[in-house]
Protein backbone atom coordinates (compact mmCIF):
# COMPACT_ATOMS: atom_id res chain seq x y z
CA MET A 1 5.90 -30.35 43.34
CA GLU A 2 6.59 -27.91 40.05
CA PHE A 3 5.01 -24.43 40.69
CA PRO A 4 4.97 -22.07 37.35
CA VAL A 5 4.96 -18.50 37.69
CA ILE A 6 3.26 -17.56 34.76
CA ASP A 7 2.78 -13.80 35.23
CA ASP A 8 5.91 -11.61 35.25
CA PRO A 9 8.75 -13.83 36.74
CA PRO A 10 11.58 -11.81 38.36
CA ALA A 11 14.55 -10.73 36.01
CA ARG A 12 17.71 -12.89 36.41
CA HIS A 13 19.95 -11.90 39.61
CA PRO A 14 23.03 -10.25 38.59
CA ASP A 15 25.30 -12.83 40.17
CA PRO A 16 24.71 -15.96 38.20
CA ASN A 17 25.37 -18.17 41.25
CA ARG A 18 22.26 -16.67 42.67
CA THR A 19 18.81 -16.97 41.95
CA PRO A 20 16.52 -13.62 42.24
CA TRP A 21 13.95 -15.94 44.45
CA GLU A 22 16.17 -15.75 47.40
CA GLY A 23 14.16 -15.61 50.71
CA MET A 24 11.39 -17.32 49.48
CA SER A 25 11.71 -20.46 50.88
CA GLY A 26 9.07 -21.70 53.61
CA ALA A 27 6.77 -19.04 51.81
CA ALA A 28 3.01 -20.61 51.91
CA VAL A 29 1.15 -21.69 48.61
CA PHE A 30 -2.67 -21.65 48.53
CA ALA A 31 -4.39 -23.65 45.58
CA SER A 32 -8.61 -23.59 45.14
CA GLY A 33 -8.59 -21.76 48.82
CA HIS A 34 -6.41 -24.35 50.43
CA LEU A 35 -3.03 -24.23 51.73
CA VAL A 36 -1.18 -26.94 49.40
CA GLY A 37 2.58 -26.57 50.87
CA VAL A 38 5.25 -24.15 51.11
CA VAL A 39 8.05 -22.92 48.61
CA GLY A 40 10.81 -24.85 48.71
CA GLN A 41 13.66 -24.01 46.41
CA HIS A 42 14.37 -22.59 42.87
CA HIS A 43 16.15 -24.85 40.35
CA ARG A 44 17.82 -22.71 37.70
CA GLY A 45 18.01 -24.98 35.40
CA GLU A 46 14.33 -24.95 35.73
CA GLY A 47 14.22 -21.30 34.55
CA LEU A 48 12.83 -18.33 36.28
CA GLY A 49 9.08 -19.38 36.00
CA THR A 50 9.48 -22.42 37.75
CA LEU A 51 9.32 -22.93 41.78
CA THR A 52 9.48 -26.28 43.70
CA VAL A 53 6.88 -26.35 46.47
CA ARG A 54 6.66 -29.13 49.30
CA LEU A 55 3.39 -30.57 49.44
CA LEU A 56 1.77 -30.13 53.26
CA GLN A 57 0.99 -33.89 53.88
CA LEU A 58 2.11 -36.41 56.21
CA PRO A 59 3.24 -39.37 53.89
CA PRO A 60 1.09 -42.11 54.73
CA ASN A 61 3.17 -44.84 57.28
CA ASN A 62 5.73 -42.33 57.74
CA ASP A 63 7.44 -43.21 54.64
CA LEU A 64 10.17 -40.54 54.90
CA ASP A 65 11.41 -41.77 58.31
CA LEU A 66 10.40 -38.43 60.03
CA PRO A 67 11.47 -38.19 63.64
CA THR A 68 8.53 -39.79 65.73
CA ASP A 69 8.03 -36.43 67.79
CA ALA A 70 8.13 -34.79 64.65
CA VAL A 71 5.19 -36.44 62.98
CA ARG A 72 3.37 -36.44 66.75
CA THR A 73 3.92 -32.54 66.54
CA TRP A 74 2.54 -31.75 62.98
CA ALA A 75 -0.34 -34.50 63.82
CA ASP A 76 -1.52 -32.68 66.37
CA ALA A 77 -1.08 -28.88 65.02
CA LEU A 78 -2.53 -29.96 61.74
CA PRO A 79 -4.97 -33.33 62.37
CA GLN A 80 -6.42 -32.83 58.71
CA LEU A 81 -2.56 -33.78 57.38
CA ARG A 82 -3.51 -37.44 58.27
CA GLU A 83 -6.85 -37.47 56.24
CA GLU A 84 -7.36 -38.04 52.32
CA LEU A 85 -6.83 -34.16 51.33
CA PRO A 86 -8.92 -33.31 48.05
CA VAL A 87 -6.62 -32.90 44.99
CA VAL A 88 -6.73 -29.34 44.40
CA THR A 89 -3.19 -28.99 41.98
CA PRO A 90 -3.31 -30.07 38.56
CA PRO A 91 -0.69 -32.38 37.31
CA THR A 92 2.13 -30.83 35.37
CA THR A 93 2.63 -31.37 31.50
CA ARG A 94 5.48 -33.52 32.20
CA LYS A 95 3.19 -35.76 34.39
CA LEU A 96 0.61 -35.61 32.01
CA ALA A 97 2.80 -37.03 29.03
CA ALA A 98 4.51 -39.39 31.60
CA SER A 99 1.21 -40.89 32.67
CA ARG A 100 -0.37 -41.11 28.72
CA ALA A 101 3.31 -42.95 27.96
CA GLN A 102 2.88 -45.23 30.59
CA VAL A 103 -0.72 -46.43 29.72
CA LEU A 104 0.67 -47.79 26.30
CA VAL A 105 4.30 -48.63 27.50
CA THR A 106 3.75 -50.26 31.00
CA PRO A 107 2.09 -53.52 29.59
CA LEU A 108 5.47 -54.00 27.43
CA ALA A 109 7.61 -53.48 29.95
CA PRO A 110 8.79 -56.50 32.22
CA ARG A 111 8.71 -56.24 36.23
CA VAL A 112 12.30 -56.55 36.52
CA LEU A 113 14.81 -56.05 33.63
CA VAL A 114 17.44 -58.91 33.81
CA GLY A 115 21.29 -58.07 32.85
CA ARG A 116 20.39 -54.85 30.87
CA GLU A 117 22.52 -52.25 33.11
CA ASN A 118 24.63 -51.48 30.76
CA ASP A 119 22.49 -51.00 27.90
CA LEU A 120 20.23 -48.94 30.11
CA ASP A 121 23.30 -46.42 30.66
CA ARG A 122 24.15 -46.06 27.47
CA LEU A 123 20.30 -45.19 26.48
CA ALA A 124 20.86 -42.66 29.48
CA HIS A 125 24.09 -41.43 27.81
CA PHE A 126 22.91 -41.23 24.51
CA SER A 127 19.57 -39.41 25.59
CA VAL A 128 21.40 -36.84 27.78
CA SER A 129 24.79 -36.00 25.22
CA PRO A 130 23.74 -32.87 23.35
CA ASP A 131 26.38 -34.21 20.37
CA GLN A 132 24.13 -37.55 19.78
CA SER A 133 20.51 -37.18 18.15
CA TRP A 134 20.07 -40.49 15.93
CA ARG A 135 20.23 -44.20 17.44
CA TRP A 136 18.70 -47.38 15.52
CA ILE A 137 19.23 -50.11 17.44
CA GLN A 138 18.66 -53.79 15.26
CA ALA A 139 18.54 -57.17 16.74
CA GLU A 140 17.42 -60.68 16.18
CA ALA A 141 13.40 -61.56 16.87
CA PHE A 142 12.61 -61.65 20.76
CA ALA A 143 16.29 -60.46 21.66
CA GLY A 144 14.52 -58.36 24.25
CA LYS A 145 14.62 -54.81 22.25
CA SER A 146 10.82 -53.96 23.09
CA ALA A 147 11.28 -54.71 26.54
CA LEU A 148 14.68 -52.69 27.02
CA LEU A 149 12.85 -49.57 25.16
CA ALA A 150 9.70 -49.82 27.38
CA THR A 151 11.69 -49.99 30.68
CA PHE A 152 13.76 -46.98 29.52
CA ALA A 153 10.78 -45.14 28.01
CA LEU A 154 9.19 -45.64 31.71
CA HIS A 155 12.44 -44.72 33.50
CA PRO A 156 14.13 -41.72 31.60
CA PRO A 157 16.72 -39.31 32.95
CA GLU A 158 15.23 -36.86 35.06
CA THR A 159 16.37 -34.00 32.41
CA VAL A 160 14.60 -35.90 29.97
CA ASP A 161 11.30 -35.95 28.57
CA VAL A 162 9.96 -38.73 26.35
CA ALA A 163 7.07 -39.02 23.41
CA ALA A 164 7.11 -42.88 22.70
CA CYS A 165 5.49 -44.86 20.55
CA PHE A 166 5.89 -48.82 20.31
CA LEU A 167 4.42 -50.45 16.67
CA GLN A 168 2.80 -53.97 17.60
CA ALA A 169 1.47 -56.10 14.58
CA THR A 170 -0.09 -58.41 16.72
CA MET A 171 -2.46 -55.54 18.24
CA ALA A 172 -2.78 -54.00 14.84
CA ASN A 173 -1.23 -51.13 16.42
CA ASN A 174 1.49 -50.48 13.41
CA THR A 175 0.14 -47.98 11.28
CA ALA A 176 0.70 -44.39 10.33
CA SER A 177 -2.42 -43.38 11.67
CA TYR A 178 -1.79 -44.75 15.21
CA ALA A 179 1.83 -43.84 15.33
CA LEU A 180 0.64 -40.29 14.50
CA ASP A 181 -1.99 -40.27 17.08
CA VAL A 182 0.17 -41.38 19.78
CA LEU A 183 3.43 -39.35 19.41
CA ASN A 184 1.03 -35.96 18.65
CA SER A 185 -0.85 -36.59 21.94
CA GLN A 186 2.06 -36.78 23.83
CA LEU A 187 4.11 -34.09 22.03
CA ALA A 188 0.90 -31.69 22.63
CA VAL A 189 1.24 -31.98 25.91
CA LEU A 190 4.91 -31.36 26.26
CA ALA A 191 4.68 -28.10 24.32
CA GLY A 192 1.50 -26.94 26.45
CA ARG A 193 -1.16 -27.72 23.79
CA ASP A 194 -3.60 -29.39 25.91
CA ASN A 195 -6.57 -28.67 23.82
CA TYR A 196 -5.08 -30.06 20.92
CA ALA A 197 -7.56 -32.04 18.99
CA SER A 198 -5.97 -34.39 16.00
CA PRO A 199 -7.27 -33.95 12.54
CA ALA A 200 -8.83 -37.13 11.21
CA GLU A 201 -6.87 -37.12 8.09
CA ILE A 202 -3.18 -38.35 7.84
CA TRP A 203 -2.21 -35.63 5.58
CA ASP A 204 -3.13 -33.17 8.37
CA ARG A 205 -1.57 -35.19 11.30
CA ILE A 206 2.26 -35.41 9.51
CA PRO A 207 2.42 -31.65 9.34
CA ASP A 208 1.37 -31.48 12.75
CA LEU A 209 3.88 -33.71 14.02
CA LEU A 210 7.17 -32.42 11.84
CA SER A 211 6.18 -28.92 11.49
CA ASP A 212 4.54 -27.90 14.66
CA LEU A 213 4.32 -30.18 17.65
CA LEU A 214 7.71 -31.58 17.61
CA PRO A 215 9.37 -28.22 17.29
CA ALA A 216 7.15 -26.48 19.80
CA ALA A 217 7.84 -29.04 22.23
CA ALA A 218 11.70 -29.04 21.81
CA ALA A 219 11.43 -25.54 22.43
CA VAL A 220 9.23 -25.90 25.77
CA ALA A 221 12.34 -28.46 26.83
CA ARG A 222 15.04 -26.16 25.76
CA GLN A 223 13.66 -23.53 27.63
CA GLN A 224 13.96 -25.72 30.97
CA ALA A 225 17.20 -26.94 29.95
CA ARG A 226 15.79 -30.60 29.14
CA ARG A 227 16.32 -32.55 26.23
CA LEU A 228 13.43 -34.42 24.22
CA LEU A 229 13.58 -38.37 23.29
CA ILE A 230 11.50 -39.51 20.57
CA ILE A 231 11.27 -43.37 20.70
CA VAL A 232 9.65 -45.48 18.03
CA ASP A 233 10.00 -48.96 18.49
CA GLY A 234 8.99 -52.17 15.95
CA LEU A 235 9.86 -50.53 12.85
CA ASP A 236 9.92 -53.88 11.35
CA GLU A 237 6.15 -54.43 12.30
CA TYR A 238 4.81 -51.16 10.41
CA SER A 239 2.49 -52.43 8.16
CA ARG A 240 2.86 -53.34 4.48
CA GLU A 241 -0.27 -52.46 3.50
CA GLU A 242 -0.11 -49.12 5.04
CA THR A 243 -0.34 -46.46 2.16
CA SER A 244 1.54 -43.68 4.33
CA PRO A 245 5.24 -44.71 3.61
CA LEU A 246 7.15 -44.81 7.09
CA SER A 247 9.59 -42.14 5.63
CA SER A 248 6.27 -39.81 5.19
CA TRP A 249 6.39 -39.08 9.14
CA LEU A 250 9.52 -40.27 10.36
CA PRO A 251 11.88 -37.20 11.04
CA SER A 252 14.78 -36.63 8.74
CA THR A 253 15.56 -33.83 10.74
CA LEU A 254 15.25 -33.05 14.43
CA PRO A 255 15.08 -29.54 16.19
CA ALA A 256 18.12 -28.80 18.84
CA GLY A 257 17.95 -30.84 21.79
CA VAL A 258 15.81 -33.62 20.35
CA ALA A 259 17.01 -37.04 20.03
CA LEU A 260 15.66 -40.11 17.99
CA LEU A 261 15.57 -43.48 19.11
CA VAL A 262 14.43 -46.51 17.16
CA SER A 263 14.27 -50.38 17.04
CA SER A 264 13.35 -53.19 14.21
CA ARG A 265 14.74 -56.61 13.88
CA ALA A 266 17.68 -57.25 12.39
CA GLY A 267 17.78 -58.52 8.84
CA ILE A 268 14.21 -57.39 7.89
CA PRO A 269 14.05 -54.29 5.16
CA ILE A 270 12.73 -50.87 6.68
CA PRO A 271 11.77 -48.68 3.73
CA LEU A 272 14.21 -45.73 4.85
CA ALA A 273 16.47 -44.15 2.39
CA ALA A 274 20.30 -44.42 2.79
CA ALA A 275 20.45 -41.08 3.13
CA HIS A 276 18.64 -40.76 6.60
CA PRO A 277 20.65 -39.73 9.51
CA LEU A 278 19.30 -43.24 11.47
CA SER A 279 21.35 -45.46 8.66
CA ALA A 280 24.51 -43.76 9.77
CA HIS A 281 24.17 -44.42 13.30
CA ILE A 282 22.95 -48.41 13.54
CA ASP A 283 23.72 -49.91 16.81
CA GLY A 284 23.41 -53.63 17.80
CA LEU A 285 21.69 -55.50 20.66
CA ALA A 286 22.68 -58.53 21.80
CA PRO A 287 20.23 -60.98 22.54
CA SER A 288 18.70 -61.46 26.53
CA ALA A 289 19.30 -64.70 27.88
CA ALA A 290 16.02 -64.36 29.76
CA ALA A 291 14.17 -63.21 26.57
CA ILE A 292 15.38 -66.35 24.95
CA GLU A 293 14.26 -68.47 27.55
CA ILE A 294 10.82 -66.90 27.77
CA ARG A 295 10.46 -67.51 24.04
CA SER A 296 11.36 -71.38 24.48
CA LEU A 297 8.76 -71.37 26.93
CA ALA A 298 6.01 -69.67 25.33
CA ILE A 299 6.74 -72.12 22.37
CA GLN A 300 6.47 -75.17 24.76
CA GLU A 301 2.83 -73.76 26.05
CA LEU A 302 1.61 -73.29 22.14
CA ASP A 303 2.85 -77.02 21.37
CA GLY A 304 1.00 -78.06 24.77
CA ALA A 305 -2.08 -76.30 23.48
CA LEU A 306 -1.87 -77.75 20.33
CA GLU A 307 -1.90 -81.13 21.59
CA ARG A 308 -4.81 -80.78 23.92
CA THR A 309 -7.51 -80.73 21.16
CA ASP A 310 -10.49 -81.28 23.63
CA GLU A 311 -9.39 -78.62 26.24
CA LEU A 312 -10.33 -74.96 26.46
CA GLN A 313 -6.66 -74.12 26.37
CA HIS A 314 -6.60 -75.27 22.67
CA GLN A 315 -9.59 -73.03 21.56
CA ILE A 316 -8.09 -70.02 22.90
CA ALA A 317 -5.04 -70.66 21.47
CA ALA A 318 -6.57 -71.22 17.98
CA CYS A 319 -9.53 -68.48 18.00
CA LEU A 320 -6.64 -65.98 19.01
CA ALA A 321 -4.15 -67.25 16.10
CA ALA A 322 -7.26 -67.09 13.59
CA CYS A 323 -8.83 -63.60 14.76
CA GLY A 324 -5.35 -61.93 14.02
CA GLY A 325 -3.78 -62.13 17.48
CA THR A 326 -5.96 -59.92 19.17
CA ILE A 327 -9.45 -60.15 20.89
CA SER A 328 -11.37 -59.11 24.23
CA THR A 329 -12.60 -61.99 26.61
CA ASP A 330 -16.39 -60.93 26.16
CA ASP A 331 -16.21 -61.29 22.40
CA LEU A 332 -14.20 -64.39 22.69
CA GLY A 333 -16.51 -65.76 24.86
CA ILE A 334 -19.41 -64.97 22.49
CA TRP A 335 -17.44 -66.80 19.50
CA LEU A 336 -16.87 -70.16 21.55
CA GLU A 337 -20.52 -70.22 22.75
CA ARG A 338 -21.68 -69.90 19.01
CA ARG A 339 -19.18 -72.69 18.27
CA ASN A 340 -19.93 -75.07 21.23
CA GLY A 341 -23.70 -74.17 21.87
CA ALA A 342 -25.23 -71.91 24.90
CA GLN A 343 -24.64 -75.06 27.37
CA ASP A 344 -20.99 -74.86 26.89
CA SER A 345 -20.76 -71.12 27.50
CA VAL A 346 -17.82 -69.66 29.21
CA LEU A 347 -17.24 -66.39 31.36
CA PRO A 348 -14.65 -63.58 30.46
CA GLU A 349 -13.53 -64.10 33.72
CA TYR A 350 -12.77 -67.76 33.32
CA LEU A 351 -11.31 -67.39 29.80
CA THR A 352 -8.60 -64.86 31.68
CA SER A 353 -7.95 -67.22 34.18
CA GLN A 354 -7.21 -70.25 31.92
CA ALA A 355 -5.16 -67.79 29.57
CA ARG A 356 -2.97 -66.74 32.67
CA ARG A 357 -2.81 -70.49 33.93
CA TRP A 358 -1.90 -72.39 30.87
CA LEU A 359 -0.46 -69.82 28.14
CA HIS A 360 1.09 -66.71 30.74
CA ARG A 361 4.07 -66.50 28.54
CA THR A 362 2.27 -66.24 25.12
CA ILE A 363 -0.28 -64.69 25.52
CA ARG A 364 -0.55 -60.99 27.24
CA ILE A 365 -3.90 -59.83 29.37
CA SER A 366 -4.26 -56.29 29.57
CA LYS A 367 -7.30 -53.96 30.62
CA ASP A 368 -9.76 -52.72 27.91
CA SER A 369 -9.83 -48.86 28.16
CA ASP A 370 -13.01 -48.71 26.29
CA GLN A 371 -14.70 -51.10 28.47
CA PRO A 372 -14.50 -51.15 32.44
CA GLY A 373 -13.78 -54.61 33.79
CA ALA A 374 -13.20 -56.42 30.10
CA GLU A 375 -9.96 -57.63 29.39
CA ILE A 376 -7.98 -58.06 26.13
CA LEU A 377 -5.78 -60.88 25.15
CA THR A 378 -3.09 -60.92 22.50
CA PHE A 379 0.14 -62.15 21.50
CA THR A 380 3.52 -61.20 23.65
CA HIS A 381 5.21 -60.63 20.33
CA GLU A 382 4.39 -61.13 16.40
CA THR A 383 6.83 -64.17 16.37
CA LEU A 384 4.34 -66.05 18.53
CA ARG A 385 1.43 -65.28 16.61
CA ASP A 386 3.32 -66.61 13.30
CA ALA A 387 4.36 -69.27 15.02
CA ALA A 388 0.96 -70.37 16.36
CA GLU A 389 -0.59 -69.89 13.03
CA ALA A 390 1.94 -72.59 11.90
CA ARG A 391 1.16 -75.00 14.52
CA PHE A 392 -2.53 -74.43 13.88
CA ALA A 393 -2.14 -74.44 10.12
CA THR A 394 -4.41 -77.79 9.82
CA THR A 395 -7.30 -76.19 11.45
CA ILE A 396 -7.24 -72.06 11.67
CA ALA A 397 -8.75 -72.44 8.40
CA ALA A 398 -12.00 -73.87 9.73
CA PHE A 399 -12.02 -71.26 12.58
CA ARG A 400 -11.67 -68.30 10.02
CA ARG A 401 -14.36 -69.86 8.24
CA GLU A 402 -16.39 -69.54 11.42
CA LEU A 403 -15.31 -66.00 12.17
CA HIS A 404 -16.21 -64.93 8.52
CA SER A 405 -19.88 -66.62 9.24
CA TRP A 406 -19.74 -64.88 12.41
CA ALA A 407 -19.49 -61.63 10.87
CA ASP A 408 -21.87 -62.54 7.85
CA ASP A 409 -24.75 -63.11 10.55
CA TYR A 410 -24.71 -59.53 11.93
CA ARG A 411 -24.24 -58.17 8.46
CA LYS A 412 -27.34 -59.84 7.59
CA ARG A 413 -28.84 -58.41 10.30
CA GLY A 414 -27.61 -54.99 9.65
CA TRP A 415 -25.06 -54.68 12.58
CA PRO A 416 -27.33 -54.66 15.42
CA THR A 417 -26.54 -52.59 18.60
CA ASP A 418 -25.04 -55.99 19.89
CA THR A 419 -22.70 -56.47 17.74
CA PRO A 420 -19.67 -57.84 18.97
CA PRO A 421 -16.84 -54.88 18.98
CA TYR A 422 -14.25 -57.19 17.53
CA LEU A 423 -16.23 -57.58 14.17
CA LEU A 424 -16.50 -53.56 14.06
CA THR A 425 -13.03 -52.56 14.47
CA GLY A 426 -10.58 -55.76 14.70
CA TYR A 427 -12.01 -57.88 11.85
CA PRO A 428 -11.32 -55.59 9.06
CA ALA A 429 -7.62 -55.57 10.60
CA LEU A 430 -7.67 -59.35 9.67
CA LEU A 431 -9.14 -59.03 6.26
CA THR A 432 -6.38 -56.56 5.38
CA ARG A 433 -3.66 -58.76 6.56
CA LEU A 434 -5.43 -61.61 4.58
CA HIS A 435 -5.36 -59.46 1.76
CA ASP A 436 -9.19 -60.37 1.17
CA SER A 437 -10.65 -57.42 -0.88
CA ALA A 438 -13.89 -58.80 -2.05
CA ARG A 439 -15.07 -59.10 1.48
CA MET A 440 -13.21 -55.90 2.70
CA ALA A 441 -15.11 -53.96 -0.04
CA VAL A 442 -18.43 -55.29 1.21
CA LEU A 443 -17.94 -53.98 4.68
CA ALA A 444 -16.45 -50.69 3.34
CA LEU A 445 -19.73 -50.24 1.22
CA ASP A 446 -22.21 -51.05 4.04
CA ALA A 447 -23.69 -47.62 5.27
CA ARG A 448 -25.44 -49.28 8.22
CA ARG A 449 -22.05 -50.97 9.60
CA HIS A 450 -20.83 -47.53 9.10
CA HIS A 451 -23.59 -45.95 11.00
CA GLN A 452 -23.08 -48.79 14.31
CA GLN A 453 -19.45 -47.61 13.95
CA LEU A 454 -20.10 -44.08 14.21
CA VAL A 455 -22.50 -45.25 17.42
CA LEU A 456 -19.67 -46.99 19.09
CA THR A 457 -16.84 -44.58 18.70
CA ASP A 458 -18.49 -41.26 17.87
CA GLY A 459 -16.48 -40.60 15.00
CA ASP A 460 -16.31 -41.87 11.14
CA ALA A 461 -12.45 -42.30 11.56
CA ASN A 462 -13.17 -46.32 10.89
CA ALA A 463 -15.19 -46.21 8.34
CA LEU A 464 -13.01 -43.91 6.39
CA ASN A 465 -9.96 -46.13 7.14
CA GLU A 466 -12.09 -49.46 6.05
CA ILE A 467 -12.38 -47.66 2.71
CA ARG A 468 -9.09 -46.37 2.12
CA ALA A 469 -7.69 -50.19 3.00
CA ALA A 470 -10.32 -51.53 0.38
CA GLN A 471 -9.41 -49.14 -2.14
CA SER A 472 -5.55 -49.66 -1.57
CA LEU A 473 -6.30 -54.02 -1.50
CA LEU A 474 -8.12 -53.26 -4.79
CA LEU A 475 -5.45 -51.23 -6.39
CA SER A 476 -2.68 -53.97 -5.70
CA SER A 477 -4.82 -56.38 -7.86
CA ASP A 478 -3.58 -57.65 -11.03
CA GLU A 479 -6.61 -56.59 -12.27
CA PRO A 480 -8.09 -53.91 -10.31
CA ASP A 481 -12.03 -53.94 -9.90
CA LEU A 482 -12.39 -50.00 -11.10
CA ALA A 483 -16.19 -50.17 -10.51
CA THR A 484 -15.97 -51.38 -7.07
CA ILE A 485 -13.03 -48.43 -6.73
CA GLY A 486 -15.42 -45.67 -8.13
CA ARG A 487 -18.18 -47.08 -5.69
CA LEU A 488 -16.13 -46.69 -2.60
CA ALA A 489 -15.01 -43.28 -3.56
CA ARG A 490 -18.52 -42.23 -3.98
CA HIS A 491 -19.52 -43.54 -0.81
CA ARG A 492 -16.26 -42.12 0.96
CA GLY A 493 -17.47 -38.46 -0.22
CA SER A 494 -21.59 -38.82 -0.12
CA ASP A 495 -21.85 -39.13 3.76
CA LEU A 496 -18.78 -40.07 5.55
CA ARG A 497 -16.62 -36.83 6.65
CA PRO A 498 -13.38 -36.16 8.36
CA GLN A 499 -13.98 -35.49 11.91
CA PRO A 500 -11.36 -34.53 14.44
CA PHE A 501 -10.83 -36.81 17.58
CA HIS A 502 -8.91 -36.67 21.11
CA ALA A 503 -5.73 -38.56 19.67
CA HIS A 504 -4.59 -39.06 23.53
CA ARG A 505 -7.16 -41.96 23.19
CA PRO A 506 -6.27 -44.16 20.76
CA THR A 507 -8.87 -47.15 20.69
CA ARG A 508 -7.02 -50.27 21.55
CA ARG A 509 -9.99 -52.53 21.38
CA LEU A 510 -9.66 -55.63 19.56
CA GLY A 511 -6.59 -54.60 17.41
CA CYS A 512 -8.44 -51.24 15.85
CA THR A 513 -5.71 -49.06 14.54
CA TRP A 514 -7.92 -46.63 14.04
CA PRO A 515 -8.37 -43.63 16.96
CA THR A 516 -11.64 -42.44 17.70
CA GLU A 517 -13.42 -39.64 20.17
CA PRO A 518 -14.35 -40.55 23.48
CA ARG A 519 -17.96 -41.48 23.38
CA HIS A 520 -20.07 -38.56 24.83
CA ARG A 521 -24.02 -39.55 25.52
CA ASN A 522 -26.74 -37.71 27.30
CA GLY A 523 -29.76 -39.60 29.13
CA THR A 524 -31.07 -40.82 25.97
CA GLY A 525 -28.10 -42.38 24.54
CA HIS A 526 -27.72 -39.68 21.72
CA PRO A 527 -24.45 -37.81 21.28
CA ARG A 528 -24.41 -34.54 22.51
CA ARG A 529 -23.96 -31.79 20.10
CA ARG A 530 -20.28 -30.86 20.45
CA SER A 531 -17.70 -28.56 18.76
CA THR A 532 -15.62 -30.56 16.21
CA GLY A 533 -12.66 -28.17 16.62
CA LEU A 534 -13.20 -26.49 13.43
CA GLY A 535 -14.20 -23.27 14.23
CA ASP A 536 -17.86 -23.96 14.59
CA ASP A 537 -19.99 -26.50 15.86
CA ARG A 538 -21.87 -28.80 13.74
CA VAL A 539 -24.81 -31.20 14.49
CA ASP A 540 -23.56 -34.69 13.90
CA ARG A 541 -25.04 -36.48 11.24
CA ARG A 542 -27.11 -38.88 12.92
CA ALA A 543 -29.53 -35.70 13.81
CA GLY A 544 -29.85 -35.26 10.11
CA CYS A 545 -27.24 -33.17 9.31
CA CYS A 546 -23.67 -33.80 7.14
CA ARG A 547 -20.74 -32.50 8.37
CA GLY A 548 -18.75 -30.52 6.50
CA PRO A 549 -15.05 -31.23 5.20
CA PRO A 550 -12.27 -29.12 6.85
CA ALA A 551 -10.91 -26.15 4.38
CA GLY A 552 -9.39 -27.25 1.20
CA ALA A 553 -10.35 -31.19 2.05
CA ALA A 554 -11.92 -31.68 -1.15
CA ALA A 555 -9.29 -30.03 -3.03
CA ARG A 556 -6.63 -32.28 -1.74
CA ARG A 557 -8.91 -35.37 -2.67
């Protein structure tokens, strides 16, 4: 365990081969009134302000293979070591950053990465080499790029800190908003900014990344003789409807001690200037035999589901293709009950078991971080979503008509509190992908819908992004509807205001790319009065007041 010495660390020892902490080994370390360990040693590379502490707790089942006599002696002298002791030491900043990255990366990493030892060694060498800062891996679809980078992000060299972002079209996690929130939250922890609150507007988040958090995290890494690696996987999956270009936030210069590792599908144009340093450091990646085999088996699963028109697996695959590639088992169950009748309702748990049984190579099942016990279904790869849409081409239009009718019913009811979350967060991403500007504009102008989104997410970020997406779709038309564009602008400026939120918890639910604040509720179900991080406390507009925009926002608009 790391033990930071915040106040007055000692001066360096005159002898460079010695440490001023000599003689401290075995010293007792207390936290919150508890004896938690003893000083073990001082690693000079970690700086003068960090010591290594050995925790005082017997490992479960004697995992360290201690001599039996030693275990018995300690257990007799301090029997509490065998008990489940209270956690009184906070995690280190590196562990916090790593744990947040693991939440995002773990579902993408295979349990066992087969045949990639040499590739992992090359990535390790790149990440620790002071004379290498840029690497762009390009390979064909389903070559195993994401699996390789996810595994490396989870198991980097000991002296490398990682901030990772995996862009995924199937989850609609492929926008500037998502990338900035994911990277900024991890860099903020590495920089020691535990209370960092991300601005709601992208134009504020970009300088946070490039001019503040990245240099600060790099400085901390250098002080500890470490390297900082930024990973951005899936440049080819970056949203084509995104109004903030990739080049606006992907670093083109790096602080000392930082490396940037990105990946994309070969042959797909990436909107980066030829002068970008990455363009001079392109590296190929041979397809993984295991990945090719998995794709072949997944296609067989899709073909099997297509043939079984009367079975549940057909409906699961068709609904997932129709909705854009991501939906929760709870909301899928509601949709299936709507189309089949209440007598044929399906429990979410049964949907999960059927997906695992028949489509386990095609569909990834992950926990819903917003709903304990709920699970999310999504295609494991963008190419599988495209393959599903092609195979279900004759029926997908009918499924989408059902989906539009489902959304229209809740719209006519004023988006009540029992509205399925997919219709509030995932459905707009589908409409944007389909370039359905008419339906998107109707949603973006619906004040009751935005109120319900506010109740669901404690923020206006979803509503603001809906409005931006609708405006972008309308402006891309050959004959833009200027009247509707103006109404959207007026609606955006009337009651909706940018609101900071905690970027470390981006909402994954049902393909939402628009991060929100964690929900705070008191006994009456209303949000607590809270600080917006703008320097004063402002009452939420549900209490009758509007939040004002941050200084300068009106001028920027």
